[in-house]
């Protein structure tokens, strides 16, 4: 698993092996990521077939990195 920049500012795409996650689309995360979603620090988490895309305000990444 490794991160790459997303297509838009404020996005990070975590590349994962195929078949690891069996869900697709926007998700609500548990624990710390879920807390950051609830607070609005993270705008969206979306699961694809080979990646997890996390979108936040680009200025937030220095703080939450």
Protein backbone atom coordinates (compact mmCIF):
# COMPACT_ATOMS: atom_id res chain seq x y z
CA UNK A 1 0.00 0.00 0.00
CA UNK A 2 1.36 3.43 -0.89
CA UNK A 3 0.03 6.97 -1.35
CA UNK A 4 -0.03 8.99 -4.56
CA UNK A 5 -1.37 12.47 -5.28
CA UNK A 6 -4.98 12.54 -6.44
CA UNK A 7 -6.21 14.35 -9.52
CA UNK A 8 -7.40 17.41 -7.55
CA UNK A 9 -5.65 19.53 -4.92
CA UNK A 10 -6.36 18.10 -1.49
CA UNK A 11 -6.67 14.49 -2.69
CA UNK A 12 -4.50 11.54 -1.73
CA UNK A 13 -5.01 8.16 -3.36
CA UNK A 14 -3.86 5.11 -1.40
CA UNK A 15 -3.05 2.34 -3.87
CA UNK A 16 -4.01 -1.12 -2.57
CA UNK A 17 -3.77 -4.62 -4.02
CA UNK A 18 -6.84 -5.78 -5.94
CA UNK A 19 -9.35 -7.84 -3.97
CA UNK A 20 -8.46 -6.41 -0.54
CA UNK A 21 -11.62 -4.33 -0.09
CA UNK A 22 -15.02 -5.59 -1.19
CA UNK A 23 -16.89 -2.27 -1.00
CA UNK A 24 -17.03 0.53 -3.58
CA UNK A 25 -17.99 4.17 -3.51
CA UNK A 26 -18.15 6.81 -0.77
CA UNK A 27 -17.76 5.44 2.77
CA UNK A 28 -17.91 6.62 6.37
CA UNK A 29 -14.67 5.69 8.10
CA UNK A 30 -14.27 4.36 11.64
CA UNK A 31 -12.09 5.74 14.44
CA UNK A 32 -9.82 8.72 13.74
CA UNK A 33 -10.66 9.08 10.05
CA UNK A 34 -14.36 8.96 10.93
CA UNK A 35 -13.85 11.68 13.51
CA UNK A 36 -12.14 13.85 10.90
CA UNK A 37 -15.05 13.23 8.48
CA UNK A 38 -17.58 14.19 11.15
CA UNK A 39 -15.65 17.39 11.93
CA UNK A 40 -15.39 18.29 8.23
CA UNK A 41 -11.59 18.03 8.09
CA UNK A 42 -11.94 15.23 5.53
CA UNK A 43 -14.54 15.92 2.86
CA UNK A 44 -14.86 12.44 1.39
CA UNK A 45 -13.42 8.94 1.43
CA UNK A 46 -14.19 6.84 -1.62
CA UNK A 47 -13.17 3.21 -2.25
CA UNK A 48 -12.36 1.96 -5.72
CA UNK A 49 -11.20 -1.43 -6.98
CA UNK A 50 -7.51 -0.69 -6.39
CA UNK A 51 -7.45 2.49 -4.29
CA UNK A 52 -8.91 4.56 -1.50
CA UNK A 53 -9.27 8.25 -2.36
CA UNK A 54 -9.29 10.72 0.53
CA UNK A 55 -10.31 14.31 -0.19
CA UNK A 56 -9.68 17.17 2.23
CA UNK A 57 -8.98 20.88 2.01
CA UNK A 58 -5.43 21.04 0.63
CA UNK A 59 -4.34 23.29 3.51
CA UNK A 60 -5.42 20.63 6.03
CA UNK A 61 -2.87 18.03 4.90
CA UNK A 62 0.05 19.69 6.66
CA UNK A 63 -1.90 19.40 9.90
CA UNK A 64 -3.48 15.96 9.49
CA UNK A 65 -0.82 14.38 7.21
